[in-house]
Amino acid sequence: MSMNLSIEELKRMQNMNIMELKREDLVNAEDIVIDTTKSVESRIRSFMEQTGNPFAMNVGEYILQIGFMEGAEDSIDDRMILLTKRKTQIMV
């Protein structure tokens, strides 16, 4: 995949309906390998090339769709804590 993606193409990938994603078209998250000794630009390029769609991938038997809320003031740490709290409340 070329790093010369347009903003429109990235927005299209980000806004894809998760129900329309096909597992066979998505990379497995555990197969992504990033060389952390490289520059940030090289790491981003590698991630983009390996994923194809940086907003969706297979994680085990699930499809993970990544997104963000514009204007949100919560940090990623705040969101991970919230996710963990919600996860621990789910009864099986």
PDB file of N, CA and C in Angstrom:
ATOM      1  N   MET A   1       0.840  -1.177   0.000  1.00  0.00           N
ATOM      2  CA  MET A   1       0.000   0.000   0.000  1.00  0.00           C
ATOM      3  C   MET A   1       0.877   1.229   0.000  1.00  0.00           C
ATOM      4  N   SER A   2       0.520   2.195  -0.770  1.00  0.00           N
ATOM      5  CA  SER A   2       1.262   3.438  -0.860  1.00  0.00           C
ATOM      6  C   SER A   2       0.916   4.329   0.326  1.00  0.00           C
ATOM      7  N   MET A   3       1.898   5.076   0.792  1.00  0.00           N
ATOM      8  CA  MET A   3       1.662   6.038   1.869  1.00  0.00           C
ATOM      9  C   MET A   3       0.997   7.297   1.323  1.00  0.00           C
ATOM     10  N   ASN A   4       0.767   7.365   0.041  1.00  0.00           N
ATOM     11  CA  ASN A   4       0.166   8.544  -0.571  1.00  0.00           C
ATOM     12  C   ASN A   4      -1.348   8.442  -0.598  1.00  0.00           C
ATOM     13  N   LEU A   5      -1.945   8.009   0.488  1.00  0.00           N
ATOM     14  CA  LEU A   5      -3.394   7.934   0.578  1.00  0.00           C
ATOM     15  C   LEU A   5      -3.970   9.330   0.712  1.00  0.00           C
ATOM     16  N   SER A   6      -5.077   9.553   0.061  1.00  0.00           N
ATOM     17  CA  SER A   6      -5.739  10.846   0.185  1.00  0.00           C
ATOM     18  C   SER A   6      -6.520  10.888   1.498  1.00  0.00           C
ATOM     19  N   ILE A   7      -6.816  12.082   1.936  1.00  0.00           N
ATOM     20  CA  ILE A   7      -7.636  12.266   3.137  1.00  0.00           C
ATOM     21  C   ILE A   7      -8.991  11.601   2.932  1.00  0.00           C
ATOM     22  N   GLU A   8      -9.529  11.707   1.735  1.00  0.00           N
ATOM     23  CA  GLU A   8     -10.837  11.106   1.434  1.00  0.00           C
ATOM     24  C   GLU A   8     -10.787   9.585   1.580  1.00  0.00           C
ATOM     25  N   GLU A   9      -9.692   8.969   1.102  1.00  0.00           N
ATOM     26  CA  GLU A   9      -9.555   7.514   1.206  1.00  0.00           C
ATOM     27  C   GLU A   9      -9.437   7.092   2.667  1.00  0.00           C
ATOM     28  N   LEU A  10      -8.661   7.821   3.440  1.00  0.00           N
ATOM     29  CA  LEU A  10      -8.534   7.506   4.863  1.00  0.00           C
ATOM     30  C   LEU A  10      -9.872   7.665   5.584  1.00  0.00           C
ATOM     31  N   LYS A  11     -10.620   8.716   5.267  1.00  0.00           N
ATOM     32  CA  LYS A  11     -11.939   8.908   5.881  1.00  0.00           C
ATOM     33  C   LYS A  11     -12.891   7.791   5.485  1.00  0.00           C
ATOM     34  N   ARG A  12     -12.819   7.353   4.216  1.00  0.00           N
ATOM     35  CA  ARG A  12     -13.671   6.249   3.767  1.00  0.00           C
ATOM     36  C   ARG A  12     -13.366   4.986   4.578  1.00  0.00           C
ATOM     37  N   MET A  13     -12.079   4.683   4.763  1.00  0.00           N
ATOM     38  CA  MET A  13     -11.684   3.507   5.544  1.00  0.00           C
ATOM     39  C   MET A  13     -12.140   3.631   6.985  1.00  0.00           C
ATOM     40  N   GLN A  14     -11.985   4.826   7.552  1.00  0.00           N
ATOM     41  CA  GLN A  14     -12.358   5.051   8.948  1.00  0.00           C
ATOM     42  C   GLN A  14     -13.861   4.908   9.154  1.00  0.00           C
ATOM     43  N   ASN A  15     -14.641   5.316   8.184  1.00  0.00           N
ATOM     44  CA  ASN A  15     -16.095   5.327   8.336  1.00  0.00           C
ATOM     45  C   ASN A  15     -16.791   4.074   7.810  1.00  0.00           C
ATOM     46  N   MET A  16     -16.029   3.047   7.454  1.00  0.00           N
ATOM     47  CA  MET A  16     -16.654   1.823   6.957  1.00  0.00           C
ATOM     48  C   MET A  16     -17.527   1.201   8.041  1.00  0.00           C
ATOM     49  N   ASN A  17     -18.676   0.697   7.628  1.00  0.00           N
ATOM     50  CA  ASN A  17     -19.570   0.002   8.542  1.00  0.00           C
ATOM     51  C   ASN A  17     -18.939  -1.334   8.908  1.00  0.00           C
ATOM     52  N   ILE A  18     -18.803  -1.598  10.193  1.00  0.00           N
ATOM     53  CA  ILE A  18     -18.155  -2.835  10.639  1.00  0.00           C
ATOM     54  C   ILE A  18     -18.862  -4.074  10.097  1.00  0.00           C
ATOM     55  N   MET A  19     -20.167  -3.962   9.845  1.00  0.00           N
ATOM     56  CA  MET A  19     -20.918  -5.105   9.314  1.00  0.00           C
ATOM     57  C   MET A  19     -20.562  -5.385   7.849  1.00  0.00           C
ATOM     58  N   GLU A  20     -19.936  -4.433   7.177  1.00  0.00           N
ATOM     59  CA  GLU A  20     -19.546  -4.616   5.788  1.00  0.00           C
ATOM     60  C   GLU A  20     -18.094  -5.063   5.629  1.00  0.00           C
ATOM     61  N   LEU A  21     -17.342  -5.101   6.734  1.00  0.00           N
ATOM     62  CA  LEU A  21     -15.953  -5.545   6.676  1.00  0.00           C
ATOM     63  C   LEU A  21     -15.908  -7.059   6.502  1.00  0.00           C
ATOM     64  N   LYS A  22     -14.962  -7.535   5.721  1.00  0.00           N
ATOM     65  CA  LYS A  22     -14.804  -8.976   5.480  1.00  0.00           C
ATOM     66  C   LYS A  22     -13.519  -9.444   6.150  1.00  0.00           C
ATOM     67  N   ARG A  23     -13.650 -10.433   7.023  1.00  0.00           N
ATOM     68  CA  ARG A  23     -12.492 -10.946   7.764  1.00  0.00           C
ATOM     69  C   ARG A  23     -11.346 -11.323   6.844  1.00  0.00           C
ATOM     70  N   GLU A  24     -11.666 -11.916   5.693  1.00  0.00           N
ATOM     71  CA  GLU A  24     -10.613 -12.374   4.781  1.00  0.00           C
ATOM     72  C   GLU A  24      -9.839 -11.215   4.141  1.00  0.00           C
ATOM     73  N   ASP A  25     -10.385 -10.011   4.200  1.00  0.00           N
ATOM     74  CA  ASP A  25      -9.709  -8.833   3.642  1.00  0.00           C
ATOM     75  C   ASP A  25      -8.863  -8.105   4.687  1.00  0.00           C
ATOM     76  N   LEU A  26      -8.974  -8.519   5.937  1.00  0.00           N
ATOM     77  CA  LEU A  26      -8.292  -7.816   7.026  1.00  0.00           C
ATOM     78  C   LEU A  26      -7.077  -8.594   7.503  1.00  0.00           C
ATOM     79  N   VAL A  27      -6.060  -7.861   7.922  1.00  0.00           N
ATOM     80  CA  VAL A  27      -4.851  -8.470   8.461  1.00  0.00           C
ATOM     81  C   VAL A  27      -5.108  -8.900   9.909  1.00  0.00           C
ATOM     82  N   ASN A  28      -4.376  -9.900  10.368  1.00  0.00           N
ATOM     83  CA  ASN A  28      -4.446 -10.329  11.763  1.00  0.00           C
ATOM     84  C   ASN A  28      -3.506  -9.454  12.583  1.00  0.00           C
ATOM     85  N   ALA A  29      -4.013  -8.869  13.651  1.00  0.00           N
ATOM     86  CA  ALA A  29      -3.230  -7.944  14.474  1.00  0.00           C
ATOM     87  C   ALA A  29      -1.933  -8.579  14.963  1.00  0.00           C
ATOM     88  N   GLU A  30      -1.961  -9.863  15.304  1.00  0.00           N
ATOM     89  CA  GLU A  30      -0.759 -10.519  15.830  1.00  0.00           C
ATOM     90  C   GLU A  30       0.317 -10.705  14.759  1.00  0.00           C
ATOM     91  N   ASP A  31      -0.031 -10.528  13.494  1.00  0.00           N
ATOM     92  CA  ASP A  31       0.947 -10.653  12.407  1.00  0.00           C
ATOM     93  C   ASP A  31       1.667  -9.338  12.114  1.00  0.00           C
ATOM     94  N   ILE A  32       1.212  -8.253  12.710  1.00  0.00           N
ATOM     95  CA  ILE A  32       1.834  -6.945  12.478  1.00  0.00           C
ATOM     96  C   ILE A  32       3.095  -6.834  13.326  1.00  0.00           C
ATOM     97  N   VAL A  33       4.208  -6.552  12.666  1.00  0.00           N
ATOM     98  CA  VAL A  33       5.487  -6.411  13.354  1.00  0.00           C
ATOM     99  C   VAL A  33       6.050  -5.032  13.012  1.00  0.00           C
ATOM    100  N   ILE A  34       6.331  -4.268  14.036  1.00  0.00           N
ATOM    101  CA  ILE A  34       6.866  -2.921  13.859  1.00  0.00           C
ATOM    102  C   ILE A  34       8.252  -2.847  14.499  1.00  0.00           C
ATOM    103  N   ASP A  35       9.233  -2.400  13.727  1.00  0.00           N
ATOM    104  CA  ASP A  35      10.593  -2.224  14.225  1.00  0.00           C
ATOM    105  C   ASP A  35      10.667  -0.891  14.962  1.00  0.00           C
ATOM    106  N   THR A  36      10.684  -0.956  16.290  1.00  0.00           N
ATOM    107  CA  THR A  36      10.658   0.257  17.107  1.00  0.00           C
ATOM    108  C   THR A  36      11.984   1.014  17.093  1.00  0.00           C
ATOM    109  N   THR A  37      13.009   0.464  16.441  1.00  0.00           N
ATOM    110  CA  THR A  37      14.271   1.197  16.330  1.00  0.00           C
ATOM    111  C   THR A  37      14.241   2.168  15.153  1.00  0.00           C
ATOM    112  N   LYS A  38      13.235   2.053  14.302  1.00  0.00           N
ATOM    113  CA  LYS A  38      13.099   2.933  13.135  1.00  0.00           C
ATOM    114  C   LYS A  38      12.464   4.255  13.537  1.00  0.00           C
ATOM    115  N   SER A  39      12.512   5.219  12.633  1.00  0.00           N
ATOM    116  CA  SER A  39      11.901   6.529  12.878  1.00  0.00           C
ATOM    117  C   SER A  39      10.382   6.383  12.955  1.00  0.00           C
ATOM    118  N   VAL A  40       9.728   7.375  13.523  1.00  0.00           N
ATOM    119  CA  VAL A  40       8.270   7.366  13.621  1.00  0.00           C
ATOM    120  C   VAL A  40       7.660   7.254  12.225  1.00  0.00           C
ATOM    121  N   GLU A  41       8.178   8.001  11.280  1.00  0.00           N
ATOM    122  CA  GLU A  41       7.654   7.949   9.905  1.00  0.00           C
ATOM    123  C   GLU A  41       7.766   6.539   9.332  1.00  0.00           C
ATOM    124  N   SER A  42       8.893   5.872   9.564  1.00  0.00           N
ATOM    125  CA  SER A  42       9.079   4.501   9.072  1.00  0.00           C
ATOM    126  C   SER A  42       8.114   3.535   9.745  1.00  0.00           C
ATOM    127  N   ARG A  43       7.880   3.740  11.038  1.00  0.00           N
ATOM    128  CA  ARG A  43       6.947   2.871  11.758  1.00  0.00           C
ATOM    129  C   ARG A  43       5.526   3.051  11.252  1.00  0.00           C
ATOM    130  N   ILE A  44       5.137   4.299  10.996  1.00  0.00           N
ATOM    131  CA  ILE A  44       3.795   4.562  10.462  1.00  0.00           C
ATOM    132  C   ILE A  44       3.661   3.938   9.080  1.00  0.00           C
ATOM    133  N   ARG A  45       4.666   4.124   8.234  1.00  0.00           N
ATOM    134  CA  ARG A  45       4.640   3.556   6.885  1.00  0.00           C
ATOM    135  C   ARG A  45       4.511   2.027   6.951  1.00  0.00           C
ATOM    136  N   SER A  46       5.286   1.414   7.830  1.00  0.00           N
ATOM    137  CA  SER A  46       5.244  -0.042   7.976  1.00  0.00           C
ATOM    138  C   SER A  46       3.866  -0.504   8.431  1.00  0.00           C
ATOM    139  N   PHE A  47       3.290   0.192   9.412  1.00  0.00           N
ATOM    140  CA  PHE A  47       1.954  -0.164   9.906  1.00  0.00           C
ATOM    141  C   PHE A  47       0.929  -0.059   8.781  1.00  0.00           C
ATOM    142  N   MET A  48       0.973   1.046   8.042  1.00  0.00           N
ATOM    143  CA  MET A  48       0.023   1.249   6.944  1.00  0.00           C
ATOM    144  C   MET A  48       0.172   0.165   5.881  1.00  0.00           C
ATOM    145  N   GLU A  49       1.408  -0.161   5.543  1.00  0.00           N
ATOM    146  CA  GLU A  49       1.651  -1.182   4.520  1.00  0.00           C
ATOM    147  C   GLU A  49       1.169  -2.555   4.979  1.00  0.00           C
ATOM    148  N   GLN A  50       1.368  -2.861   6.258  1.00  0.00           N
ATOM    149  CA  GLN A  50       0.984  -4.174   6.767  1.00  0.00           C
ATOM    150  C   GLN A  50      -0.526  -4.312   6.967  1.00  0.00           C
ATOM    151  N   THR A  51      -1.202  -3.235   7.330  1.00  0.00           N
ATOM    152  CA  THR A  51      -2.630  -3.345   7.632  1.00  0.00           C
ATOM    153  C   THR A  51      -3.528  -3.177   6.419  1.00  0.00           C
ATOM    154  N   GLY A  52      -3.132  -2.340   5.481  1.00  0.00           N
ATOM    155  CA  GLY A  52      -4.030  -2.050   4.364  1.00  0.00           C
ATOM    156  C   GLY A  52      -5.091  -1.056   4.784  1.00  0.00           C
ATOM    157  N   ASN A  53      -5.841  -1.385   5.805  1.00  0.00           N
ATOM    158  CA  ASN A  53      -6.816  -0.467   6.399  1.00  0.00           C
ATOM    159  C   ASN A  53      -6.401  -0.279   7.852  1.00  0.00           C
ATOM    160  N   PRO A  54      -5.845   0.889   8.191  1.00  0.00           N
ATOM    161  CA  PRO A  54      -5.347   1.072   9.563  1.00  0.00           C
ATOM    162  C   PRO A  54      -6.452   1.163  10.610  1.00  0.00           C
ATOM    163  N   PHE A  55      -7.708   1.171  10.186  1.00  0.00           N
ATOM    164  CA  PHE A  55      -8.826   1.320  11.112  1.00  0.00           C
ATOM    165  C   PHE A  55      -9.546   0.007  11.399  1.00  0.00           C
ATOM    166  N   ALA A  56      -9.114  -1.094  10.784  1.00  0.00           N
ATOM    167  CA  ALA A  56      -9.803  -2.374  11.007  1.00  0.00           C
ATOM    168  C   ALA A  56      -8.827  -3.528  10.852  1.00  0.00           C
ATOM    169  N   MET A  57      -8.942  -4.520  11.748  1.00  0.00           N
ATOM    170  CA  MET A  57      -8.091  -5.704  11.664  1.00  0.00           C
ATOM    171  C   MET A  57      -8.739  -6.840  12.452  1.00  0.00           C
ATOM    172  N   ASN A  58      -8.262  -8.036  12.197  1.00  0.00           N
ATOM    173  CA  ASN A  58      -8.716  -9.206  12.944  1.00  0.00           C
ATOM    174  C   ASN A  58      -7.921  -9.300  14.241  1.00  0.00           C
ATOM    175  N   VAL A  59      -8.634  -9.535  15.333  1.00  0.00           N
ATOM    176  CA  VAL A  59      -8.006  -9.791  16.627  1.00  0.00           C
ATOM    177  C   VAL A  59      -8.661 -11.053  17.159  1.00  0.00           C
ATOM    178  N   GLY A  60      -7.944 -12.161  17.035  1.00  0.00           N
ATOM    179  CA  GLY A  60      -8.529 -13.446  17.415  1.00  0.00           C
ATOM    180  C   GLY A  60      -9.725 -13.725  16.522  1.00  0.00           C
ATOM    181  N   GLU A  61     -10.860 -14.012  17.125  1.00  0.00           N
ATOM    182  CA  GLU A  61     -12.063 -14.310  16.354  1.00  0.00           C
ATOM    183  C   GLU A  61     -12.941 -13.085  16.140  1.00  0.00           C
ATOM    184  N   TYR A  62     -12.421 -11.909  16.484  1.00  0.00           N
ATOM    185  CA  TYR A  62     -13.191 -10.672  16.372  1.00  0.00           C
ATOM    186  C   TYR A  62     -12.588  -9.734  15.327  1.00  0.00           C
ATOM    187  N   ILE A  63     -13.417  -8.838  14.831  1.00  0.00           N
ATOM    188  CA  ILE A  63     -12.941  -7.731  14.003  1.00  0.00           C
ATOM    189  C   ILE A  63     -12.871  -6.512  14.910  1.00  0.00           C
ATOM    190  N   LEU A  64     -11.705  -5.900  14.962  1.00  0.00           N
ATOM    191  CA  LEU A  64     -11.507  -4.686  15.745  1.00  0.00           C
ATOM    192  C   LEU A  64     -11.555  -3.508  14.791  1.00  0.00           C
ATOM    193  N   GLN A  65     -12.448  -2.574  15.069  1.00  0.00           N
ATOM    194  CA  GLN A  65     -12.520  -1.348  14.281  1.00  0.00           C
ATOM    195  C   GLN A  65     -12.084  -0.203  15.187  1.00  0.00           C
ATOM    196  N   ILE A  66     -11.088   0.530  14.733  1.00  0.00           N
ATOM    197  CA  ILE A  66     -10.479   1.589  15.523  1.00  0.00           C
ATOM    198  C   ILE A  66     -11.049   2.931  15.092  1.00  0.00           C
ATOM    199  N   GLY A  67     -11.350   3.771  16.041  1.00  0.00           N
ATOM    200  CA  GLY A  67     -11.858   5.105  15.737  1.00  0.00           C
ATOM    201  C   GLY A  67     -11.511   6.057  16.850  1.00  0.00           C
ATOM    202  N   PHE A  68     -11.876   7.276  16.664  1.00  0.00           N
ATOM    203  CA  PHE A  68     -11.660   8.282  17.684  1.00  0.00           C
ATOM    204  C   PHE A  68     -12.758   9.328  17.588  1.00  0.00           C
ATOM    205  N   MET A  69     -12.924  10.051  18.678  1.00  0.00           N
ATOM    206  CA  MET A  69     -13.923  11.116  18.700  1.00  0.00           C
ATOM    207  C   MET A  69     -13.193  12.444  18.626  1.00  0.00           C
ATOM    208  N   GLU A  70     -13.535  13.228  17.636  1.00  0.00           N
ATOM    209  CA  GLU A  70     -12.931  14.548  17.526  1.00  0.00           C
ATOM    210  C   GLU A  70     -13.419  15.423  18.670  1.00  0.00           C
ATOM    211  N   GLY A  71     -12.512  16.190  19.225  1.00  0.00           N
ATOM    212  CA  GLY A  71     -12.871  17.112  20.293  1.00  0.00           C
ATOM    213  C   GLY A  71     -12.952  16.475  21.668  1.00  0.00           C
ATOM    214  N   ALA A  72     -12.717  15.153  21.767  1.00  0.00           N
ATOM    215  CA  ALA A  72     -12.778  14.492  23.070  1.00  0.00           C
ATOM    216  C   ALA A  72     -11.595  14.947  23.922  1.00  0.00           C
ATOM    217  N   GLU A  73     -11.842  15.141  25.195  1.00  0.00           N
ATOM    218  CA  GLU A  73     -10.780  15.589  26.090  1.00  0.00           C
ATOM    219  C   GLU A  73     -10.179  14.438  26.884  1.00  0.00           C
ATOM    220  N   ASP A  74     -10.786  13.254  26.801  1.00  0.00           N
ATOM    221  CA  ASP A  74     -10.263  12.087  27.501  1.00  0.00           C
ATOM    222  C   ASP A  74      -8.959  11.637  26.846  1.00  0.00           C
ATOM    223  N   SER A  75      -8.038  11.163  27.661  1.00  0.00           N
ATOM    224  CA  SER A  75      -6.805  10.589  27.131  1.00  0.00           C
ATOM    225  C   SER A  75      -7.062   9.121  26.795  1.00  0.00           C
ATOM    226  N   ILE A  76      -6.133   8.514  26.093  1.00  0.00           N
ATOM    227  CA  ILE A  76      -6.256   7.079  25.786  1.00  0.00           C
ATOM    228  C   ILE A  76      -6.266   6.279  27.088  1.00  0.00           C
ATOM    229  N   ASP A  77      -5.518   6.741  28.084  1.00  0.00           N
ATOM    230  CA  ASP A  77      -5.514   6.063  29.381  1.00  0.00           C
ATOM    231  C   ASP A  77      -6.895   6.106  30.026  1.00  0.00           C
ATOM    232  N   ASP A  78      -7.561   7.266  29.946  1.00  0.00           N
ATOM    233  CA  ASP A  78      -8.915   7.396  30.495  1.00  0.00           C
ATOM    234  C   ASP A  78      -9.855   6.409  29.813  1.00  0.00           C
ATOM    235  N   ARG A  79      -9.751   6.312  28.491  1.00  0.00           N
ATOM    236  CA  ARG A  79     -10.625   5.412  27.726  1.00  0.00           C
ATOM    237  C   ARG A  79     -10.334   3.950  28.045  1.00  0.00           C
ATOM    238  N   MET A  80      -9.057   3.592  28.229  1.00  0.00           N
ATOM    239  CA  MET A  80      -8.707   2.204  28.558  1.00  0.00           C
ATOM    240  C   MET A  80      -9.233   1.834  29.942  1.00  0.00           C
ATOM    241  N   ILE A  81      -9.171   2.762  30.875  1.00  0.00           N
ATOM    242  CA  ILE A  81      -9.723   2.511  32.218  1.00  0.00           C
ATOM    243  C   ILE A  81     -11.231   2.294  32.127  1.00  0.00           C
ATOM    244  N   LEU A  82     -11.914   3.138  31.355  1.00  0.00           N
ATOM    245  CA  LEU A  82     -13.358   2.994  31.165  1.00  0.00           C
ATOM    246  C   LEU A  82     -13.681   1.645  30.521  1.00  0.00           C
ATOM    247  N   LEU A  83     -12.924   1.267  29.499  1.00  0.00           N
ATOM    248  CA  LEU A  83     -13.138  -0.020  28.834  1.00  0.00           C
ATOM    249  C   LEU A  83     -12.956  -1.170  29.816  1.00  0.00           C
ATOM    250  N   THR A  84     -11.923  -1.102  30.637  1.00  0.00           N
ATOM    251  CA  THR A  84     -11.661  -2.158  31.618  1.00  0.00           C
ATOM    252  C   THR A  84     -12.790  -2.249  32.631  1.00  0.00           C
ATOM    253  N   LYS A  85     -13.275  -1.100  33.090  1.00  0.00           N
ATOM    254  CA  LYS A  85     -14.396  -1.105  34.039  1.00  0.00           C
ATOM    255  C   LYS A  85     -15.628  -1.734  33.424  1.00  0.00           C
ATOM    256  N   ARG A  86     -15.912  -1.378  32.164  1.00  0.00           N
ATOM    257  CA  ARG A  86     -17.088  -1.960  31.490  1.00  0.00           C
ATOM    258  C   ARG A  86     -16.904  -3.456  31.283  1.00  0.00           C
ATOM    259  N   LYS A  87     -15.700  -3.860  30.910  1.00  0.00           N
ATOM    260  CA  LYS A  87     -15.410  -5.267  30.641  1.00  0.00           C
ATOM    261  C   LYS A  87     -15.610  -6.107  31.893  1.00  0.00           C
ATOM    262  N   THR A  88     -15.222  -5.580  33.047  1.00  0.00           N
ATOM    263  CA  THR A  88     -15.329  -6.343  34.288  1.00  0.00           C
ATOM    264  C   THR A  88     -16.762  -6.437  34.773  1.00  0.00           C
ATOM    265  N   GLN A  89     -17.667  -5.613  34.226  1.00  0.00           N
ATOM    266  CA  GLN A  89     -19.077  -5.668  34.615  1.00  0.00           C
ATOM    267  C   GLN A  89     -19.869  -6.637  33.764  1.00  0.00           C
ATOM    268  N   ILE A  90     -19.259  -7.151  32.689  1.00  0.00           N
ATOM    269  CA  ILE A  90     -19.979  -8.077  31.803  1.00  0.00           C
ATOM    270  C   ILE A  90     -20.015  -9.449  32.451  1.00  0.00           C
ATOM    271  N   MET A  91     -21.215  -9.973  32.606  1.00  0.00           N
ATOM    272  CA  MET A  91     -21.384 -11.304  33.204  1.00  0.00           C
ATOM    273  C   MET A  91     -21.558 -12.319  32.083  1.00  0.00           C
ATOM    274  N   VAL A  92     -20.858 -13.424  32.206  1.00  0.00           N
ATOM    275  CA  VAL A  92     -20.966 -14.484  31.187  1.00  0.00           C
ATOM    276  C   VAL A  92     -21.868 -15.571  31.689  1.00  0.00           C
TER     277      VAL A  92
END
